[in-house]
C-alpha atoms as a PDB file:
ATOM      1  CA  MET A   1      -0.133   0.069   0.133  1.00  0.00           C
ATOM      2  CA  LYS A   2       1.337   3.331  -1.374  1.00  0.00           C
ATOM      3  CA  LEU A   3       0.608   6.216   0.843  1.00  0.00           C
ATOM      4  CA  SER A   4       0.008   9.933  -0.479  1.00  0.00           C
ATOM      5  CA  VAL A   5       0.487  12.966   2.396  1.00  0.00           C
ATOM      6  CA  VAL A   6      -1.100  15.346   1.319  1.00  0.00           C
ATOM      7  CA  ILE A   7       0.352  18.411   3.379  1.00  0.00           C
ATOM      8  CA  PRO A   8      -1.126  22.179   2.707  1.00  0.00           C
ATOM      9  CA  ILE A   9       1.279  25.266   4.295  1.00  0.00           C
ATOM     10  CA  TYR A  10       0.953  28.388   4.959  1.00  0.00           C
ATOM     11  CA  ASN A  11       4.072  30.693   7.121  1.00  0.00           C
ATOM     12  CA  GLU A  12       5.018  27.653   8.647  1.00  0.00           C
ATOM     13  CA  GLU A  13       8.659  28.321   8.643  1.00  0.00           C
ATOM     14  CA  GLU A  14       8.887  27.320  12.763  1.00  0.00           C
ATOM     15  CA  THR A  15       7.197  23.442  12.138  1.00  0.00           C
ATOM     16  CA  LEU A  16       8.009  22.712   8.735  1.00  0.00           C
ATOM     17  CA  ARG A  17      11.449  21.015   8.913  1.00  0.00           C
ATOM     18  CA  LEU A  18       9.956  18.895  11.973  1.00  0.00           C
ATOM     19  CA  ILE A  19       6.568  18.054  10.722  1.00  0.00           C
ATOM     20  CA  LEU A  20       8.621  16.761   7.834  1.00  0.00           C
ATOM     21  CA  GLU A  21      11.321  14.946   9.638  1.00  0.00           C
ATOM     22  CA  ARG A  22       7.699  12.665  11.796  1.00  0.00           C
ATOM     23  CA  VAL A  23       6.585  11.828   8.441  1.00  0.00           C
ATOM     24  CA  ARG A  24       9.026  10.790   7.000  1.00  0.00           C
ATOM     25  CA  ALA A  25       9.809   8.535   9.772  1.00  0.00           C
ATOM     26  CA  THR A  26       7.077   7.238   9.736  1.00  0.00           C
ATOM     27  CA  PRO A  27       7.098   3.229   8.197  1.00  0.00           C
ATOM     28  CA  TYR A  28       5.500   3.341   4.947  1.00  0.00           C
ATOM     29  CA  GLU A  29       6.003   3.737   1.457  1.00  0.00           C
ATOM     30  CA  LYS A  30       4.707   6.857   0.573  1.00  0.00           C
ATOM     31  CA  GLU A  31       5.036  10.091  -0.959  1.00  0.00           C
ATOM     32  CA  ILE A  32       5.023  13.678   0.134  1.00  0.00           C
ATOM     33  CA  ILE A  33       3.328  16.329  -1.784  1.00  0.00           C
ATOM     34  CA  LEU A  34       3.536  19.848  -0.132  1.00  0.00           C
ATOM     35  CA  VAL A  35       1.438  22.958  -0.728  1.00  0.00           C
ATOM     36  CA  ASP A  36       2.524  25.998  -0.229  1.00  0.00           C
ATOM     37  CA  ASP A  37      -0.510  28.794  -0.342  1.00  0.00           C
ATOM     38  CA  CYS A  38       1.524  32.176  -0.631  1.00  0.00           C
ATOM     39  CA  SER A  39       3.122  31.495   2.900  1.00  0.00           C
ATOM     40  CA  GLN A  40       4.566  35.302   3.779  1.00  0.00           C
ATOM     41  CA  ASP A  41       7.132  34.429   5.892  1.00  0.00           C
ATOM     42  CA  GLY A  42       9.944  32.141   5.376  1.00  0.00           C
ATOM     43  CA  THR A  43       8.729  28.827   4.196  1.00  0.00           C
ATOM     44  CA  ARG A  44       8.607  29.089   0.378  1.00  0.00           C
ATOM     45  CA  ALA A  45      13.137  29.447   1.282  1.00  0.00           C
ATOM     46  CA  ILE A  46      13.037  26.216   2.824  1.00  0.00           C
ATOM     47  CA  LEU A  47      10.920  24.554   0.563  1.00  0.00           C
ATOM     48  CA  LYS A  48      13.356  25.788  -2.357  1.00  0.00           C
ATOM     49  CA  GLU A  49      16.087  23.550  -0.008  1.00  0.00           C
ATOM     50  CA  LEU A  50      14.111  20.646   0.049  1.00  0.00           C
ATOM     51  CA  GLU A  51      12.034  20.396  -3.647  1.00  0.00           C
ATOM     52  CA  SER A  52      14.599  18.244  -5.414  1.00  0.00           C
ATOM     53  CA  ASP A  53      14.156  15.533  -2.759  1.00  0.00           C
ATOM     54  CA  GLU A  54      12.648  12.410  -4.145  1.00  0.00           C
ATOM     55  CA  ASP A  55      10.390  11.769  -1.744  1.00  0.00           C
ATOM     56  CA  LEU A  56       8.291  15.331  -2.355  1.00  0.00           C
ATOM     57  CA  LYS A  57       6.344  16.953  -4.480  1.00  0.00           C
ATOM     58  CA  VAL A  58       6.139  20.298  -3.816  1.00  0.00           C
ATOM     59  CA  PHE A  59       3.530  23.076  -5.859  1.00  0.00           C
ATOM     60  CA  TYR A  60       3.162  27.038  -4.563  1.00  0.00           C
ATOM     61  CA  HIS A  61       0.144  28.939  -5.340  1.00  0.00           C
ATOM     62  CA  ALA A  62       1.060  32.156  -6.686  1.00  0.00           C
ATOM     63  CA  LYS A  63      -1.732  34.145  -3.999  1.00  0.00           C
ATOM     64  CA  ASN A  64      -3.350  32.801  -0.844  1.00  0.00           C
ATOM     65  CA  LYS A  65      -5.950  30.962  -1.741  1.00  0.00           C
ATOM     66  CA  GLY A  66      -6.633  28.782   1.651  1.00  0.00           C
ATOM     67  CA  LYS A  67      -6.548  25.211   3.118  1.00  0.00           C
ATOM     68  CA  GLY A  68      -9.418  24.095   0.937  1.00  0.00           C
ATOM     69  CA  ALA A  69      -7.526  25.240  -2.281  1.00  0.00           C
ATOM     70  CA  ALA A  70      -4.360  23.944  -1.076  1.00  0.00           C
ATOM     71  CA  LEU A  71      -5.653  20.228  -0.351  1.00  0.00           C
ATOM     72  CA  ARG A  72      -7.342  20.515  -3.740  1.00  0.00           C
ATOM     73  CA  THR A  73      -4.250  20.758  -5.578  1.00  0.00           C
ATOM     74  CA  GLY A  74      -2.622  18.084  -3.605  1.00  0.00           C
ATOM     75  CA  PHE A  75      -4.785  15.762  -4.366  1.00  0.00           C
ATOM     76  CA  ALA A  76      -4.621  16.022  -7.771  1.00  0.00           C
ATOM     77  CA  GLU A  77      -1.279  15.443  -7.460  1.00  0.00           C
ATOM     78  CA  ALA A  78      -1.644  12.741  -5.494  1.00  0.00           C
ATOM     79  CA  THR A  79      -0.761   9.098  -6.112  1.00  0.00           C
ATOM     80  CA  GLY A  80      -1.143   6.442  -3.851  1.00  0.00           C
ATOM     81  CA  ASP A  81      -4.310   4.106  -2.639  1.00  0.00           C
ATOM     82  CA  VAL A  82      -4.349   6.092   0.217  1.00  0.00           C
ATOM     83  CA  VAL A  83      -4.792   9.602   0.782  1.00  0.00           C
ATOM     84  CA  LEU A  84      -3.938  11.051   4.180  1.00  0.00           C
ATOM     85  CA  ILE A  85      -4.052  14.964   5.322  1.00  0.00           C
ATOM     86  CA  GLN A  86      -1.486  16.433   7.576  1.00  0.00           C
ATOM     87  CA  ASP A  87      -1.653  19.587   8.786  1.00  0.00           C
ATOM     88  CA  ALA A  88       2.577  22.044   8.896  1.00  0.00           C
ATOM     89  CA  ASP A  89       1.982  22.387  12.029  1.00  0.00           C
ATOM     90  CA  LEU A  90       2.461  20.417  15.277  1.00  0.00           C
ATOM     91  CA  GLU A  91      -1.187  19.868  16.678  1.00  0.00           C
ATOM     92  CA  TYR A  92      -1.247  16.232  14.810  1.00  0.00           C
ATOM     93  CA  ASP A  93       0.797  13.503  15.813  1.00  0.00           C
ATOM     94  CA  PRO A  94       2.153  11.279  12.128  1.00  0.00           C
ATOM     95  CA  GLY A  95       3.284   8.576  15.018  1.00  0.00           C
ATOM     96  CA  GLU A  96      -0.536   7.989  14.484  1.00  0.00           C
ATOM     97  CA  TYR A  97      -0.203   6.760  11.645  1.00  0.00           C
ATOM     98  CA  PRO A  98      -1.267   3.609  12.199  1.00  0.00           C
ATOM     99  CA  LEU A  99      -4.119   3.872  13.979  1.00  0.00           C
ATOM    100  CA  LEU A 100      -5.476   5.544  10.927  1.00  0.00           C
ATOM    101  CA  LEU A 101      -4.616   3.281   8.665  1.00  0.00           C
ATOM    102  CA  GLU A 102      -5.395   0.403  10.715  1.00  0.00           C
ATOM    103  CA  PRO A 103      -9.255  -0.029   9.257  1.00  0.00           C
ATOM    104  CA  ILE A 104      -8.445   0.346   6.242  1.00  0.00           C
ATOM    105  CA  GLU A 105      -5.343  -1.921   5.985  1.00  0.00           C
ATOM    106  CA  ARG A 106      -7.983  -4.610   7.942  1.00  0.00           C
ATOM    107  CA  GLY A 107     -10.475  -4.220   4.952  1.00  0.00           C
ATOM    108  CA  LEU A 108     -13.169  -2.537   7.084  1.00  0.00           C
ATOM    109  CA  ALA A 109     -12.939   1.319   5.833  1.00  0.00           C
ATOM    110  CA  ASP A 110     -12.845   3.429   3.340  1.00  0.00           C
ATOM    111  CA  VAL A 111     -12.446   6.172   4.776  1.00  0.00           C
ATOM    112  CA  VAL A 112     -10.816   7.579   8.299  1.00  0.00           C
ATOM    113  CA  TYR A 113     -11.894  10.367  10.255  1.00  0.00           C
ATOM    114  CA  GLY A 114      -9.043  10.675  13.551  1.00  0.00           C
ATOM    115  CA  SER A 115     -11.231  12.703  16.248  1.00  0.00           C
ATOM    116  CA  ARG A 116      -9.539  14.393  18.854  1.00  0.00           C
ATOM    117  CA  PHE A 117     -12.844  14.150  21.727  1.00  0.00           C
ATOM    118  CA  LYS A 118     -13.081  10.225  20.977  1.00  0.00           C
ATOM    119  CA  GLY A 119     -11.395   9.554  24.239  1.00  0.00           C
ATOM    120  CA  ALA A 120      -8.226   6.891  25.118  1.00  0.00           C
ATOM    121  CA  ARG A 121      -5.473   9.968  23.464  1.00  0.00           C
ATOM    122  CA  MET A 122      -3.511  12.626  25.028  1.00  0.00           C
ATOM    123  CA  SER A 123      -4.873  15.987  24.047  1.00  0.00           C
ATOM    124  CA  ARG A 124      -4.209  19.341  25.473  1.00  0.00           C
ATOM    125  CA  VAL A 125      -6.665  21.007  27.659  1.00  0.00           C
ATOM    126  CA  HIS A 126      -7.371  23.779  25.378  1.00  0.00           C
ATOM    127  CA  LEU A 127      -9.168  26.567  24.410  1.00  0.00           C
ATOM    128  CA  TYR A 128     -13.170  25.499  25.331  1.00  0.00           C
ATOM    129  CA  TRP A 129     -15.125  27.853  23.261  1.00  0.00           C
ATOM    130  CA  HIS A 130     -13.111  25.966  19.968  1.00  0.00           C
ATOM    131  CA  GLN A 131     -13.976  22.837  21.064  1.00  0.00           C
ATOM    132  CA  LEU A 132     -18.106  23.734  21.242  1.00  0.00           C
ATOM    133  CA  ALA A 133     -17.785  25.406  18.083  1.00  0.00           C
ATOM    134  CA  ASN A 134     -16.622  22.487  16.879  1.00  0.00           C
ATOM    135  CA  THR A 135     -18.687  19.656  18.761  1.00  0.00           C
ATOM    136  CA  PHE A 136     -21.936  22.128  17.055  1.00  0.00           C
ATOM    137  CA  LEU A 137     -20.601  22.061  14.186  1.00  0.00           C
ATOM    138  CA  THR A 138     -20.156  18.507  14.365  1.00  0.00           C
ATOM    139  CA  LEU A 139     -24.016  17.726  15.898  1.00  0.00           C
ATOM    140  CA  VAL A 140     -25.202  20.400  12.485  1.00  0.00           C
ATOM    141  CA  SER A 141     -23.233  18.049   9.685  1.00  0.00           C
ATOM    142  CA  ASN A 142     -24.448  14.989  11.359  1.00  0.00           C
ATOM    143  CA  MET A 143     -27.598  15.500  11.264  1.00  0.00           C
ATOM    144  CA  MET A 144     -27.676  16.832   7.423  1.00  0.00           C
ATOM    145  CA  THR A 145     -25.535  13.427   6.600  1.00  0.00           C
ATOM    146  CA  ASN A 146     -26.895  10.795   9.522  1.00  0.00           C
ATOM    147  CA  LEU A 147     -23.476  10.527  10.346  1.00  0.00           C
ATOM    148  CA  ASN A 148     -22.542  10.066  13.869  1.00  0.00           C
ATOM    149  CA  LEU A 149     -18.706  11.342  13.780  1.00  0.00           C
ATOM    150  CA  THR A 150     -17.997  13.308  16.871  1.00  0.00           C
ATOM    151  CA  ASP A 151     -15.248  15.420  15.317  1.00  0.00           C
ATOM    152  CA  MET A 152     -15.965  16.353  12.052  1.00  0.00           C
ATOM    153  CA  GLU A 153     -12.942  19.254  11.747  1.00  0.00           C
ATOM    154  CA  THR A 154     -10.457  17.611  12.234  1.00  0.00           C
ATOM    155  CA  CYS A 155      -7.159  17.594  10.346  1.00  0.00           C
ATOM    156  CA  TYR A 156      -6.927  13.713   9.807  1.00  0.00           C
ATOM    157  CA  LYS A 157      -8.954  12.252   7.206  1.00  0.00           C
ATOM    158  CA  VAL A 158      -7.511   9.487   5.076  1.00  0.00           C
ATOM    159  CA  PHE A 159      -9.430   8.105   2.174  1.00  0.00           C
ATOM    160  CA  LYS A 160      -8.704   4.977   0.037  1.00  0.00           C
ATOM    161  CA  ARG A 161      -7.644   6.953  -3.446  1.00  0.00           C
ATOM    162  CA  GLU A 162     -10.828   5.872  -5.178  1.00  0.00           C
ATOM    163  CA  VAL A 163     -13.301   7.324  -2.892  1.00  0.00           C
ATOM    164  CA  LEU A 164     -11.871  10.921  -3.966  1.00  0.00           C
ATOM    165  CA  GLU A 165     -11.920  10.279  -7.569  1.00  0.00           C
ATOM    166  CA  GLY A 166     -14.894  11.861  -8.895  1.00  0.00           C
ATOM    167  CA  ILE A 167     -15.909  13.869  -6.044  1.00  0.00           C
ATOM    168  CA  SER A 168     -15.519  18.053  -7.396  1.00  0.00           C
ATOM    169  CA  LEU A 169     -14.664  20.108  -4.063  1.00  0.00           C
ATOM    170  CA  GLU A 170     -15.214  23.985  -4.097  1.00  0.00           C
ATOM    171  CA  SER A 171     -14.316  25.351  -0.871  1.00  0.00           C
ATOM    172  CA  ASN A 172     -11.047  27.435  -0.766  1.00  0.00           C
ATOM    173  CA  ARG A 173     -11.064  27.231   3.168  1.00  0.00           C
ATOM    174  CA  PHE A 174     -12.015  25.623   6.149  1.00  0.00           C
ATOM    175  CA  GLY A 175     -15.364  24.920   4.655  1.00  0.00           C
ATOM    176  CA  PHE A 176     -13.485  21.855   2.982  1.00  0.00           C
ATOM    177  CA  GLU A 177     -14.763  20.223   5.820  1.00  0.00           C
ATOM    178  CA  PRO A 178     -18.276  20.172   6.078  1.00  0.00           C
ATOM    179  CA  GLU A 179     -18.112  19.884   2.024  1.00  0.00           C
ATOM    180  CA  ILE A 180     -15.660  16.348   1.753  1.00  0.00           C
ATOM    181  CA  THR A 181     -18.271  14.908   4.865  1.00  0.00           C
ATOM    182  CA  ALA A 182     -20.926  15.803   3.225  1.00  0.00           C
ATOM    183  CA  LYS A 183     -19.803  14.541  -0.064  1.00  0.00           C
ATOM    184  CA  ILE A 184     -18.305  11.240   1.276  1.00  0.00           C
ATOM    185  CA  ALA A 185     -21.287  11.014   3.092  1.00  0.00           C
ATOM    186  CA  ARG A 186     -22.952  10.351  -0.392  1.00  0.00           C
ATOM    187  CA  LYS A 187     -20.629   8.941  -1.816  1.00  0.00           C
ATOM    188  CA  ARG A 188     -20.923   5.067  -3.573  1.00  0.00           C
ATOM    189  CA  LEU A 189     -18.201   2.305  -4.575  1.00  0.00           C
ATOM    190  CA  ASN A 190     -19.984  -0.152  -6.048  1.00  0.00           C
ATOM    191  CA  GLY A 191     -23.250   0.332  -5.284  1.00  0.00           C
ATOM    192  CA  LYS A 192     -22.845   0.389  -1.903  1.00  0.00           C
ATOM    193  CA  ARG A 193     -22.199   3.792   0.506  1.00  0.00           C
ATOM    194  CA  VAL A 194     -18.482   4.649   1.309  1.00  0.00           C
ATOM    195  CA  ARG A 195     -17.395   3.122   4.544  1.00  0.00           C
ATOM    196  CA  ILE A 196     -16.308   5.326   7.504  1.00  0.00           C
ATOM    197  CA  TYR A 197     -14.545   4.569  10.572  1.00  0.00           C
ATOM    198  CA  GLU A 198     -13.211   6.635  13.851  1.00  0.00           C
ATOM    199  CA  VAL A 199     -10.394   6.222  15.543  1.00  0.00           C
ATOM    200  CA  PRO A 200      -9.303   8.288  18.422  1.00  0.00           C
ATOM    201  CA  ILE A 201      -6.266  10.464  18.771  1.00  0.00           C
ATOM    202  CA  SER A 202      -4.695  12.878  20.409  1.00  0.00           C
ATOM    203  CA  TYR A 203      -4.431  16.198  19.905  1.00  0.00           C
ATOM    204  CA  TYR A 204      -1.159  19.418  20.936  1.00  0.00           C
ATOM    205  CA  GLY A 205      -3.486  22.733  19.912  1.00  0.00           C
ATOM    206  CA  ARG A 206      -1.592  25.940  19.200  1.00  0.00           C
ATOM    207  CA  ASP A 207      -2.697  29.170  20.783  1.00  0.00           C
ATOM    208  CA  TYR A 208      -3.547  31.744  18.495  1.00  0.00           C
ATOM    209  CA  ALA A 209       0.099  33.907  19.528  1.00  0.00           C
ATOM    210  CA  ASP A 210       1.652  30.612  18.250  1.00  0.00           C
ATOM    211  CA  GLY A 211      -0.120  30.209  14.620  1.00  0.00           C
ATOM    212  CA  LYS A 212      -3.535  29.079  14.843  1.00  0.00           C
ATOM    213  CA  LYS A 213      -5.652  30.209  12.191  1.00  0.00           C
ATOM    214  CA  ILE A 214      -8.623  29.068  12.340  1.00  0.00           C
ATOM    215  CA  GLY A 215     -10.805  31.952  13.973  1.00  0.00           C
ATOM    216  CA  TRP A 216     -14.911  32.814  14.713  1.00  0.00           C
ATOM    217  CA  ARG A 217     -15.696  33.535  10.982  1.00  0.00           C
ATOM    218  CA  ASP A 218     -14.384  30.189   9.712  1.00  0.00           C
ATOM    219  CA  GLY A 219     -17.023  28.598  12.006  1.00  0.00           C
ATOM    220  CA  VAL A 220     -19.967  31.291  10.712  1.00  0.00           C
ATOM    221  CA  ALA A 221     -18.456  30.111   7.515  1.00  0.00           C
ATOM    222  CA  ALA A 222     -18.923  26.182   7.992  1.00  0.00           C
ATOM    223  CA  LEU A 223     -22.484  26.708   8.885  1.00  0.00           C
ATOM    224  CA  TRP A 224     -23.540  27.766   6.160  1.00  0.00           C
ATOM    225  CA  HIS A 225     -21.167  25.551   3.511  1.00  0.00           C
ATOM    226  CA  ILE A 226     -22.776  22.234   6.198  1.00  0.00           C
ATOM    227  CA  CYS A 227     -26.253  23.915   4.657  1.00  0.00           C
ATOM    228  CA  ARG A 228     -24.893  24.509   0.881  1.00  0.00           C
ATOM    229  CA  PHE A 229     -23.523  21.260   0.322  1.00  0.00           C
ATOM    230  CA  ASN A 230     -26.280  18.989   2.400  1.00  0.00           C
ATOM    231  CA  ILE A 231     -29.456  20.969   1.590  1.00  0.00           C
ATOM    232  CA  PHE A 232     -28.343  22.932  -1.681  1.00  0.00           C
ATOM    233  CA  ALA A 233     -26.312  20.179  -3.575  1.00  0.00           C
END
């Protein structure tokens, strides 16, 4: 099984080398797809140093478009059997790839979400209102999709590549999360519903002072995207 790790990047000069080191240490045949969304710090200089590495595919956006746009670019270049989303910060631990991939490797799942709220793993005590917003958005999304996810907004989403084939993604920013959830909830493989699993993951949340980017406006937009992609799609 070949793994495509898609990493959207925006202003992550402090963490980029370390996250790459951790991704590379995972015991899988893999390609690492880096999409820089027009970073304004020293990120691009680091990527220019690394772009000739054989295990990397590096792409640059000419202007900042958002996480969803970066993921579209990365997905289009993925050649692995399984596609995994990895943020470029250190909030999510690549050492937990075995947990995320186990349901797929065992033939149980077509999609796996890593849940920060399912329990049984280590998580930072952090940002109550942020978690409450995530819980609310997940609840509304579940009501629309008839899924029972605990963490729709998680970064860690893993897909068999055939699940992504034929799905047209539109959201440029964090609307990607409710959009992809709505679309995989309707997806059929060989006439059957896509099998979605959740596994508990650790979470090392950042403060806004450390570079956290999602804000309350993105939460309001996510609510609109939930309605847009479930009711009006």
